[in-house]
Amino acid sequence: MPNWKLTISYFGKDFYGFQKQKDKRTVQGVLENILKDIFQEDIRIIGAGRTDRGVHAINQVVNFKTEKDFHIEKLKYVLNSLLPRDITLKDLEIVGDDFHARYSAKNKTYMYIIYNSKNISPFLWDFTWQISKSLNVDLLMRSAELILGEHDFINFCSLDEKKNTIIKIESAYWEKKGEFLFFFITASHFLRKMVRFLVGGMVEVGLEKKDIEEWKLYLEKKFDKRFGKCAPSEGLYLLNVKY
C-alpha cells in the first residue's frame, strides 16, 4: 500500500478552506475527487495545515495511501492535467508507511503580506491586506520580538477549549520591501486563526492605536476580549512545512 506525499500550492480565494465540507469547494475535496477518478478507489488525504477560507499555500504537504500502485512520473502528468488552475502540484514522492503530513511535521512557517500604501491597488485585494494609513515598522518589529518563546496564546485565537493554547514560537519577524511588509512566523503548530489575530494585533500597535506595553500584557495574561481584530485571510500564506 504506497504512501504518497504531495507538495502543492493553491490560491485560496475560491476555496472554503482546506478541510473537506459538505457542498463546499475545498482543497481536500477537490484533490480527493480527482485522486478517486485516477485510482478508482476512495482516497482520504491528510494535510499538514488546515488553512481557513481564503488562505493561500505556497508549500502545503499532503499524504494519502492507495491500494494500487502507479508510476510516479505518470501520476505527476495525470494530476497536472486534471488539477484546476488554482492548485499546482510541486512535488510527488512515495514515502515510508509511518509518514503523516500533519503529525510528522517538526514545524510550520506562515507568511503574512501587507501592502502599506496610500495608493490602494484593485489588483492586490486577493493577495494582501491593504492598509492606507502609515504603519510604524519599528513598532511592528518590536511587537514581533515579544512573540518569541513560549506563551499562552488564548487571547490570539478562535478558541477551542479542548486545545492546549501554550505554544513555543521559534521565529517571528517582519521584513519591509518597498511598500510591502512581510511577516514570518514559525512554530511546531498553530491555533485556529492565531497568526491572523497576531497580525491584527501588531497592526493596532503599528498604527499607534494601542500601546506596545498593552500588547506585552496580552501575551502574559488572559483577558475577556481580543487585543485587536483578526487580519483578513487574503494576506496569509502557508509558506513551508519542515520534516
C-alpha atoms as a PDB file:
ATOM      1  CA  MET A   1       0.000   0.000   0.000  1.00  0.00           C
ATOM      2  CA  PRO A   2       2.001   3.042  -1.231  1.00  0.00           C
ATOM      3  CA  ASN A   3       2.071   6.162   0.940  1.00  0.00           C
ATOM      4  CA  TRP A   4       2.123   9.185  -1.348  1.00  0.00           C
ATOM      5  CA  LYS A   5       3.485  12.592  -0.329  1.00  0.00           C
ATOM      6  CA  LEU A   6       2.423  15.611  -2.388  1.00  0.00           C
ATOM      7  CA  THR A   7       3.635  19.201  -2.122  1.00  0.00           C
ATOM      8  CA  ILE A   8       1.120  21.635  -3.582  1.00  0.00           C
ATOM      9  CA  SER A   9       0.446  25.346  -3.936  1.00  0.00           C
ATOM     10  CA  TYR A  10      -3.001  26.880  -4.085  1.00  0.00           C
ATOM     11  CA  PHE A  11      -4.699  30.242  -4.398  1.00  0.00           C
ATOM     12  CA  GLY A  12      -7.239  30.297  -1.587  1.00  0.00           C
ATOM     13  CA  LYS A  13      -9.783  32.806  -2.893  1.00  0.00           C
ATOM     14  CA  ASP A  14     -12.310  30.310  -4.257  1.00  0.00           C
ATOM     15  CA  PHE A  15     -11.872  27.640  -1.580  1.00  0.00           C
ATOM     16  CA  TYR A  16     -13.792  27.305   1.683  1.00  0.00           C
ATOM     17  CA  GLY A  17     -10.520  26.336   3.317  1.00  0.00           C
ATOM     18  CA  PHE A  18      -8.511  23.132   3.113  1.00  0.00           C
ATOM     19  CA  GLN A  19     -10.688  20.745   5.113  1.00  0.00           C
ATOM     20  CA  LYS A  20     -13.499  18.909   3.355  1.00  0.00           C
ATOM     21  CA  GLN A  21     -17.003  20.334   3.899  1.00  0.00           C
ATOM     22  CA  LYS A  22     -20.336  19.169   2.560  1.00  0.00           C
ATOM     23  CA  ASP A  23     -21.469  21.093  -0.536  1.00  0.00           C
ATOM     24  CA  LYS A  24     -18.450  23.445  -0.314  1.00  0.00           C
ATOM     25  CA  ARG A  25     -15.441  23.703  -2.615  1.00  0.00           C
ATOM     26  CA  THR A  26     -12.383  22.837  -0.525  1.00  0.00           C
ATOM     27  CA  VAL A  27      -8.809  21.868  -1.366  1.00  0.00           C
ATOM     28  CA  GLN A  28      -9.203  18.451   0.257  1.00  0.00           C
ATOM     29  CA  GLY A  29     -12.481  17.811  -1.530  1.00  0.00           C
ATOM     30  CA  VAL A  30     -11.107  18.728  -4.963  1.00  0.00           C
ATOM     31  CA  LEU A  31      -7.972  16.613  -4.503  1.00  0.00           C
ATOM     32  CA  GLU A  32      -9.845  13.571  -3.200  1.00  0.00           C
ATOM     33  CA  ASN A  33     -12.303  13.640  -6.100  1.00  0.00           C
ATOM     34  CA  ILE A  34      -9.504  13.824  -8.674  1.00  0.00           C
ATOM     35  CA  LEU A  35      -7.489  11.066  -6.989  1.00  0.00           C
ATOM     36  CA  LYS A  36     -10.582   8.864  -6.750  1.00  0.00           C
ATOM     37  CA  ASP A  37     -11.015   9.144 -10.527  1.00  0.00           C
ATOM     38  CA  ILE A  38      -7.351   8.283 -11.106  1.00  0.00           C
ATOM     39  CA  PHE A  39      -7.048   5.323  -8.725  1.00  0.00           C
ATOM     40  CA  GLN A  40     -10.675   4.165  -8.932  1.00  0.00           C
ATOM     41  CA  GLU A  41     -10.855   3.864  -5.155  1.00  0.00           C
ATOM     42  CA  ASP A  42     -11.863   6.089  -2.250  1.00  0.00           C
ATOM     43  CA  ILE A  43      -8.987   8.313  -1.168  1.00  0.00           C
ATOM     44  CA  ARG A  44      -8.556  10.197   2.120  1.00  0.00           C
ATOM     45  CA  ILE A  45      -5.843  12.816   2.136  1.00  0.00           C
ATOM     46  CA  ILE A  46      -4.162  14.307   5.202  1.00  0.00           C
ATOM     47  CA  GLY A  47      -2.897  17.894   5.120  1.00  0.00           C
ATOM     48  CA  ALA A  48      -0.039  19.432   7.097  1.00  0.00           C
ATOM     49  CA  GLY A  49      -2.114  22.549   7.765  1.00  0.00           C
ATOM     50  CA  ARG A  50      -5.867  23.127   7.726  1.00  0.00           C
ATOM     51  CA  THR A  51      -5.899  26.549   6.134  1.00  0.00           C
ATOM     52  CA  ASP A  52      -9.078  28.616   6.520  1.00  0.00           C
ATOM     53  CA  ARG A  53     -11.278  30.056   3.802  1.00  0.00           C
ATOM     54  CA  GLY A  54      -9.336  32.453   1.569  1.00  0.00           C
ATOM     55  CA  VAL A  55      -5.899  31.481   2.938  1.00  0.00           C
ATOM     56  CA  HIS A  56      -3.243  30.521   0.381  1.00  0.00           C
ATOM     57  CA  ALA A  57      -0.463  27.917   0.432  1.00  0.00           C
ATOM     58  CA  ILE A  58       2.928  28.029  -1.249  1.00  0.00           C
ATOM     59  CA  ASN A  59       4.112  24.663   0.069  1.00  0.00           C
ATOM     60  CA  GLN A  60       1.264  22.665   1.570  1.00  0.00           C
ATOM     61  CA  VAL A  61       2.108  18.997   2.156  1.00  0.00           C
ATOM     62  CA  VAL A  62      -0.447  16.191   1.975  1.00  0.00           C
ATOM     63  CA  ASN A  63      -0.235  12.428   2.078  1.00  0.00           C
ATOM     64  CA  PHE A  64      -2.569   9.576   1.184  1.00  0.00           C
ATOM     65  CA  LYS A  65      -2.414   5.804   0.856  1.00  0.00           C
ATOM     66  CA  THR A  66      -3.698   3.691  -2.019  1.00  0.00           C
ATOM     67  CA  GLU A  67      -4.338   0.017  -2.676  1.00  0.00           C
ATOM     68  CA  LYS A  68      -2.978   0.332  -6.213  1.00  0.00           C
ATOM     69  CA  ASP A  69       0.493   1.180  -7.461  1.00  0.00           C
ATOM     70  CA  PHE A  70       1.057   3.916 -10.021  1.00  0.00           C
ATOM     71  CA  HIS A  71       4.151   5.094 -11.867  1.00  0.00           C
ATOM     72  CA  ILE A  72       5.326   8.352 -10.255  1.00  0.00           C
ATOM     73  CA  GLU A  73       6.003  10.267 -13.472  1.00  0.00           C
ATOM     74  CA  LYS A  74       2.712   9.143 -14.961  1.00  0.00           C
ATOM     75  CA  LEU A  75       0.828  10.221 -11.836  1.00  0.00           C
ATOM     76  CA  LYS A  76       2.524  13.640 -11.977  1.00  0.00           C
ATOM     77  CA  TYR A  77       1.443  14.053 -15.577  1.00  0.00           C
ATOM     78  CA  VAL A  78      -2.148  12.943 -14.953  1.00  0.00           C
ATOM     79  CA  LEU A  79      -2.531  15.100 -11.837  1.00  0.00           C
ATOM     80  CA  ASN A  80      -1.177  18.197 -13.563  1.00  0.00           C
ATOM     81  CA  SER A  81      -3.629  17.690 -16.410  1.00  0.00           C
ATOM     82  CA  LEU A  82      -6.630  17.311 -14.066  1.00  0.00           C
ATOM     83  CA  LEU A  83      -5.921  19.859 -11.325  1.00  0.00           C
ATOM     84  CA  PRO A  84      -7.804  23.182 -11.537  1.00  0.00           C
ATOM     85  CA  ARG A  85      -5.910  26.396 -12.221  1.00  0.00           C
ATOM     86  CA  ASP A  86      -5.844  27.386  -8.560  1.00  0.00           C
ATOM     87  CA  ILE A  87      -3.958  24.244  -7.427  1.00  0.00           C
ATOM     88  CA  THR A  88      -0.454  23.358  -8.614  1.00  0.00           C
ATOM     89  CA  LEU A  89       1.460  20.145  -7.964  1.00  0.00           C
ATOM     90  CA  LYS A  90       5.055  20.995  -6.996  1.00  0.00           C
ATOM     91  CA  ASP A  91       6.424  17.615  -5.937  1.00  0.00           C
ATOM     92  CA  LEU A  92       5.337  13.995  -5.608  1.00  0.00           C
ATOM     93  CA  GLU A  93       7.080  11.037  -3.985  1.00  0.00           C
ATOM     94  CA  ILE A  94       6.455   7.726  -2.242  1.00  0.00           C
ATOM     95  CA  VAL A  95       7.422   7.841   1.446  1.00  0.00           C
ATOM     96  CA  GLY A  96       7.564   5.447   4.382  1.00  0.00           C
ATOM     97  CA  ASP A  97       4.372   3.961   5.738  1.00  0.00           C
ATOM     98  CA  ASP A  98       4.681   5.906   9.002  1.00  0.00           C
ATOM     99  CA  PHE A  99       4.852   9.340   7.335  1.00  0.00           C
ATOM    100  CA  HIS A 100       1.931  11.575   8.339  1.00  0.00           C
ATOM    101  CA  ALA A 101       1.717  15.020   6.737  1.00  0.00           C
ATOM    102  CA  ARG A 102       0.454  16.626   9.940  1.00  0.00           C
ATOM    103  CA  TYR A 103       1.955  14.668  12.830  1.00  0.00           C
ATOM    104  CA  SER A 104       5.383  14.062  11.253  1.00  0.00           C
ATOM    105  CA  ALA A 105       5.956  17.799  10.775  1.00  0.00           C
ATOM    106  CA  LYS A 106       8.610  19.403  13.005  1.00  0.00           C
ATOM    107  CA  ASN A 107       7.378  22.926  12.357  1.00  0.00           C
ATOM    108  CA  LYS A 108       5.378  25.124  10.011  1.00  0.00           C
ATOM    109  CA  THR A 109       6.105  28.615   8.731  1.00  0.00           C
ATOM    110  CA  TYR A 110       3.401  31.087   7.776  1.00  0.00           C
ATOM    111  CA  MET A 111       3.855  34.354   5.913  1.00  0.00           C
ATOM    112  CA  TYR A 112       1.533  37.357   6.002  1.00  0.00           C
ATOM    113  CA  ILE A 113       1.703  40.166   3.421  1.00  0.00           C
ATOM    114  CA  ILE A 114       0.568  43.749   3.973  1.00  0.00           C
ATOM    115  CA  TYR A 115       0.551  46.387   1.247  1.00  0.00           C
ATOM    116  CA  ASN A 116       1.048  49.671   3.107  1.00  0.00           C
ATOM    117  CA  SER A 117       0.383  52.477   0.650  1.00  0.00           C
ATOM    118  CA  LYS A 118      -1.886  55.474   0.191  1.00  0.00           C
ATOM    119  CA  ASN A 119      -2.452  54.221  -3.356  1.00  0.00           C
ATOM    120  CA  ILE A 120      -4.785  51.254  -2.916  1.00  0.00           C
ATOM    121  CA  SER A 121      -4.483  48.764  -5.783  1.00  0.00           C
ATOM    122  CA  PRO A 122      -7.506  46.877  -7.163  1.00  0.00           C
ATOM    123  CA  PHE A 123      -5.137  44.075  -8.203  1.00  0.00           C
ATOM    124  CA  LEU A 124      -3.865  43.238  -4.718  1.00  0.00           C
ATOM    125  CA  TRP A 125      -7.040  42.653  -2.687  1.00  0.00           C
ATOM    126  CA  ASP A 126      -6.941  38.867  -3.150  1.00  0.00           C
ATOM    127  CA  PHE A 127      -3.259  38.536  -2.182  1.00  0.00           C
ATOM    128  CA  THR A 128      -2.615  41.061   0.604  1.00  0.00           C
ATOM    129  CA  TRP A 129      -4.106  43.158   3.376  1.00  0.00           C
ATOM    130  CA  GLN A 130      -4.087  46.698   2.035  1.00  0.00           C
ATOM    131  CA  ILE A 131      -3.632  49.418   4.663  1.00  0.00           C
ATOM    132  CA  SER A 132      -3.548  53.042   3.519  1.00  0.00           C
ATOM    133  CA  LYS A 133      -2.501  54.597   6.857  1.00  0.00           C
ATOM    134  CA  SER A 134       1.237  54.580   7.536  1.00  0.00           C
ATOM    135  CA  LEU A 135       2.462  51.788   9.815  1.00  0.00           C
ATOM    136  CA  ASN A 136       5.309  52.287  12.279  1.00  0.00           C
ATOM    137  CA  VAL A 137       7.655  49.498  11.156  1.00  0.00           C
ATOM    138  CA  ASP A 138       9.845  49.783  14.253  1.00  0.00           C
ATOM    139  CA  LEU A 139       6.818  49.087  16.464  1.00  0.00           C
ATOM    140  CA  LEU A 140       5.845  46.119  14.276  1.00  0.00           C
ATOM    141  CA  MET A 141       9.322  44.642  14.664  1.00  0.00           C
ATOM    142  CA  ARG A 142       9.360  45.186  18.425  1.00  0.00           C
ATOM    143  CA  SER A 143       5.919  43.563  18.686  1.00  0.00           C
ATOM    144  CA  ALA A 144       7.154  40.511  16.770  1.00  0.00           C
ATOM    145  CA  GLU A 145      10.166  40.138  19.073  1.00  0.00           C
ATOM    146  CA  LEU A 146       7.827  39.892  22.060  1.00  0.00           C
ATOM    147  CA  ILE A 147       6.079  36.880  20.482  1.00  0.00           C
ATOM    148  CA  LEU A 148       9.269  34.788  20.557  1.00  0.00           C
ATOM    149  CA  GLY A 149       9.482  31.957  23.061  1.00  0.00           C
ATOM    150  CA  GLU A 150       6.705  30.178  24.930  1.00  0.00           C
ATOM    151  CA  HIS A 151       3.413  31.974  25.547  1.00  0.00           C
ATOM    152  CA  ASP A 152      -0.240  31.213  26.177  1.00  0.00           C
ATOM    153  CA  PHE A 153      -1.978  32.421  23.006  1.00  0.00           C
ATOM    154  CA  ILE A 154      -5.507  32.139  24.369  1.00  0.00           C
ATOM    155  CA  ASN A 155      -6.009  35.866  23.604  1.00  0.00           C
ATOM    156  CA  PHE A 156      -4.980  35.347  19.981  1.00  0.00           C
ATOM    157  CA  CYS A 157      -7.055  32.509  18.568  1.00  0.00           C
ATOM    158  CA  SER A 158     -10.510  31.276  17.722  1.00  0.00           C
ATOM    159  CA  LEU A 159     -10.840  29.327  20.940  1.00  0.00           C
ATOM    160  CA  ASP A 160     -11.266  25.572  21.111  1.00  0.00           C
ATOM    161  CA  GLU A 161     -11.375  24.712  24.813  1.00  0.00           C
ATOM    162  CA  LYS A 162     -10.002  21.222  24.191  1.00  0.00           C
ATOM    163  CA  LYS A 163      -6.694  22.511  22.840  1.00  0.00           C
ATOM    164  CA  ASN A 164      -3.567  23.467  24.734  1.00  0.00           C
ATOM    165  CA  THR A 165      -3.053  27.162  23.968  1.00  0.00           C
ATOM    166  CA  ILE A 166       0.579  27.292  25.144  1.00  0.00           C
ATOM    167  CA  ILE A 167       2.917  27.319  22.136  1.00  0.00           C
ATOM    168  CA  LYS A 168       6.637  27.986  21.685  1.00  0.00           C
ATOM    169  CA  ILE A 169       7.362  30.391  18.821  1.00  0.00           C
ATOM    170  CA  GLU A 170      10.678  29.559  17.165  1.00  0.00           C
ATOM    171  CA  SER A 171      10.858  32.572  14.874  1.00  0.00           C
ATOM    172  CA  ALA A 172       8.801  35.745  14.304  1.00  0.00           C
ATOM    173  CA  TYR A 173       9.883  38.822  12.367  1.00  0.00           C
ATOM    174  CA  TRP A 174       8.886  41.477   9.822  1.00  0.00           C
ATOM    175  CA  GLU A 175      10.614  42.424   6.569  1.00  0.00           C
ATOM    176  CA  LYS A 176       9.913  45.604   4.621  1.00  0.00           C
ATOM    177  CA  LYS A 177      10.358  45.650   0.845  1.00  0.00           C
ATOM    178  CA  GLY A 178       9.168  48.904  -0.667  1.00  0.00           C
ATOM    179  CA  GLU A 179       5.501  49.302   0.197  1.00  0.00           C
ATOM    180  CA  PHE A 180       5.146  45.629   1.115  1.00  0.00           C
ATOM    181  CA  LEU A 181       5.507  44.302   4.655  1.00  0.00           C
ATOM    182  CA  PHE A 182       6.125  40.583   5.159  1.00  0.00           C
ATOM    183  CA  PHE A 183       5.586  38.843   8.493  1.00  0.00           C
ATOM    184  CA  PHE A 184       7.117  35.380   9.022  1.00  0.00           C
ATOM    185  CA  ILE A 185       6.341  33.107  11.961  1.00  0.00           C
ATOM    186  CA  THR A 186       7.493  29.548  12.723  1.00  0.00           C
ATOM    187  CA  ALA A 187       6.252  27.108  15.381  1.00  0.00           C
ATOM    188  CA  SER A 188       5.534  23.404  15.805  1.00  0.00           C
ATOM    189  CA  HIS A 189       1.814  24.120  15.426  1.00  0.00           C
ATOM    190  CA  PHE A 190      -0.696  26.960  15.497  1.00  0.00           C
ATOM    191  CA  LEU A 191      -4.167  27.562  16.904  1.00  0.00           C
ATOM    192  CA  ARG A 192      -7.091  28.415  14.652  1.00  0.00           C
ATOM    193  CA  LYS A 193      -6.773  31.980  13.301  1.00  0.00           C
ATOM    194  CA  MET A 194      -3.803  32.553  15.615  1.00  0.00           C
ATOM    195  CA  VAL A 195      -1.499  34.111  13.012  1.00  0.00           C
ATOM    196  CA  ARG A 196      -4.261  36.409  11.791  1.00  0.00           C
ATOM    197  CA  PHE A 197      -5.090  37.593  15.331  1.00  0.00           C
ATOM    198  CA  LEU A 198      -1.390  38.215  15.985  1.00  0.00           C
ATOM    199  CA  VAL A 199      -1.026  40.222  12.773  1.00  0.00           C
ATOM    200  CA  GLY A 200      -4.219  42.142  13.520  1.00  0.00           C
ATOM    201  CA  GLY A 201      -2.887  42.990  16.974  1.00  0.00           C
ATOM    202  CA  MET A 202       0.525  44.085  15.720  1.00  0.00           C
ATOM    203  CA  VAL A 203      -1.150  46.333  13.168  1.00  0.00           C
ATOM    204  CA  GLU A 204      -3.027  48.040  16.029  1.00  0.00           C
ATOM    205  CA  VAL A 205       0.358  48.734  17.630  1.00  0.00           C
ATOM    206  CA  GLY A 206       1.905  49.752  14.295  1.00  0.00           C
ATOM    207  CA  LEU A 207      -0.894  52.252  13.689  1.00  0.00           C
ATOM    208  CA  GLU A 208      -0.251  53.526  17.238  1.00  0.00           C
ATOM    209  CA  LYS A 209      -3.850  52.842  18.226  1.00  0.00           C
ATOM    210  CA  LYS A 210      -2.639  50.658  21.087  1.00  0.00           C
ATOM    211  CA  ASP A 211       0.464  50.696  23.253  1.00  0.00           C
ATOM    212  CA  ILE A 212       3.180  48.066  22.953  1.00  0.00           C
ATOM    213  CA  GLU A 213       3.107  47.581  26.739  1.00  0.00           C
ATOM    214  CA  GLU A 214      -0.546  46.535  26.459  1.00  0.00           C
ATOM    215  CA  TRP A 215       0.473  44.117  23.684  1.00  0.00           C
ATOM    216  CA  LYS A 216       3.067  42.614  26.024  1.00  0.00           C
ATOM    217  CA  LEU A 217       0.451  42.263  28.757  1.00  0.00           C
ATOM    218  CA  TYR A 218      -1.889  40.356  26.419  1.00  0.00           C
ATOM    219  CA  LEU A 219       0.907  37.870  25.765  1.00  0.00           C
ATOM    220  CA  GLU A 220       1.286  37.290  29.510  1.00  0.00           C
ATOM    221  CA  LYS A 221      -2.265  37.229  30.903  1.00  0.00           C
ATOM    222  CA  LYS A 222      -5.753  36.059  29.921  1.00  0.00           C
ATOM    223  CA  PHE A 223      -8.346  38.707  29.040  1.00  0.00           C
ATOM    224  CA  ASP A 224     -12.055  38.564  28.214  1.00  0.00           C
ATOM    225  CA  LYS A 225     -11.628  40.409  24.912  1.00  0.00           C
ATOM    226  CA  ARG A 226      -9.259  40.276  21.953  1.00  0.00           C
ATOM    227  CA  PHE A 227      -6.360  42.693  21.656  1.00  0.00           C
ATOM    228  CA  GLY A 228      -7.285  43.610  18.078  1.00  0.00           C
ATOM    229  CA  LYS A 229      -9.247  42.399  15.098  1.00  0.00           C
ATOM    230  CA  CYS A 230      -8.476  39.291  13.076  1.00  0.00           C
ATOM    231  CA  ALA A 231      -6.453  40.180   9.975  1.00  0.00           C
ATOM    232  CA  PRO A 232      -8.069  39.306   6.609  1.00  0.00           C
ATOM    233  CA  SER A 233      -7.449  35.797   5.286  1.00  0.00           C
ATOM    234  CA  GLU A 234      -6.251  37.049   1.885  1.00  0.00           C
ATOM    235  CA  GLY A 235      -2.834  38.080   3.198  1.00  0.00           C
ATOM    236  CA  LEU A 236      -1.970  34.744   4.835  1.00  0.00           C
ATOM    237  CA  TYR A 237       0.150  32.009   3.232  1.00  0.00           C
ATOM    238  CA  LEU A 238       1.289  28.607   4.478  1.00  0.00           C
ATOM    239  CA  LEU A 239       4.900  29.027   3.400  1.00  0.00           C
ATOM    240  CA  ASN A 240       6.757  25.869   4.430  1.00  0.00           C
ATOM    241  CA  VAL A 241       6.459  22.643   6.390  1.00  0.00           C
ATOM    242  CA  LYS A 242       9.633  21.123   7.831  1.00  0.00           C
ATOM    243  CA  TYR A 243      10.045  17.395   8.469  1.00  0.00           C
END
